[in-house]
Amino acid sequence: MILLKRLVPRSLFWRSLLILIVPVILLQGVVAYIFFERHWDTVSRRLAFNIAGDVTYVLRARQVFSEPDQIQWIYRTARQEMQIDATFEEGAVLPEVAPRSSGRNTDRMLYHALDERLYYPFHIDTRRSDRWISIRIQLKDGVLSILTPRKRMFSSTTYVFVLWMVGTALVVSGIAVLFLRNQVRPIRRLAEAADAFGKGREAPDYKPSGASEIRRAAAAFLKMRQRIRRQITQRTEMLAGVSHDLRTPLTRIKLQLAMLAQAQPEAKTEIGHLEADVTEMERMIDEYLAFARGQGAESPVAVDLSAILSEVVDGARRKGGDIVLEAEQPLVVPLRPNAIKRCLTNLVDNATRYGEHVALSAARRGSIIEIAVDDDGPGIPEAQREEVFKPFYRMDGARSPSTGGAGLGLAIARDVIRGHGGDITMTTSAMGGLRAVLWLPV
């Protein structure tokens, strides 16, 4: 059963083609079996008996008419009317060992037909290279040698039948291929549109086509795509609106704290703590706004990922980070530039924040682009490598509020990369710290 599953093709086109072709082949096999078992045996038997009858006639006529002129007339008539070339070898004797038979059904039919008609020993040689059948009959005074064309044992209906079977199979296969290709094409287009949407790309020219079931699936996909886009737009607008509305009270709070610090110098420490909390809230709001602008309103365009990586590295170096870049050029892929830049910036900032040395690499791996960010920092325990992608998640120790993070960087990075059809995973780096691996479909 497992072997059968491995042999069955995976694509719908080839499976459907097998469903159409296999019954045709089985049907033709059954018809061919019946033909060769019944019709071909009957035809072969009749052809064999015709040859046996002609040979018997020549033999009987030679025994009745003994004059040389009469015998020559018999031979000449047999050659002209029966396609039999007869000669007599006076005093000859048949060898003890008969010529080896070819084993074909027609040869067996001919042997049985002659055995029923003749009362003399005889040999049959059907393996001659000159396309003749040799029949030698042992008589009292010599050997009667008869040659007849091999084609007398074949019927043209056999070739017509074989050509008919092959021709109908080819015609049916051709029609099936054309029909199935037209039926499978809408399914492929639907799969391509769904794949493009999953990678954050547009498929504006996609329209439902094909059979009614495929059209229903396509219409359901289009409605689902509209609902998802509407939800993304509503979420983006809500985040932008909430973040924007929060800026006004935060600005008032900062102003009040500044005035309070001047009025009450003795409370400067407590006021400083409050100002730090407000600053952290502003940073969190900035991340929301950046995410909303970069992921929600952008459209995918074909850009060189290597150029974006260079910009991210330059920004990290301006902040004092020690980072090395190794990237293939060019790496052109459809994506949202600002969102991807934000994603990479978050990862590189985390790496430079917790490690002294950082390495950024990018290369094409078949149908994907792999990006790796390595650092020599303390790393993340394996049990927490999935938890860090949750919004507002903070680790004890290294990932603490004092480092300046709002707990949204990795969550935004994974959201962005998954919006492009890729993903992010965390492993241990060869540099001793953390290794963040991103892959993007091309």
Foldseek 3Di string as FASTA:
>chain_A
DVVVVVPQDDDPLSNVLCVQQVVLVVVLVVVVVCCCVPVVLVLLLVLLLLVLVLVLVLVVQCVVDPDPVSNVVSQVCCCVPVVKHKDWDFQADDDPDADDDPPDPSVVSNVVSNVVRDPFDWHWDCPDPVQWIWIWTDDPGTIMIMIHGNCSSDDVVVVVSVCVSVVVSVVSSVVSSVVSCVQCVQVVLLVVQVLCQQQQAHDVPDAQDHDPVSSVVSVVVVVVSVVVLVVLQVVLVVLLVVLVVVVVVLVVLVVVLVVVCVVCVVCVVVSVVVVLVSVLVNVVSVVSNLLSVQANPFHWDWDFVVVLVVVLVVVCVVVPAAEEEAEDPGDTDTARSSLQSLLVNLVQVLQRLFARYKYWYWDDDVQKIKIKIDGQGAADDPVCQVVLLDAQDADPDPRDVVSVDRSHNNVSNQVRLSSSVKGWGWDQDPSNYIMIMIMGGD
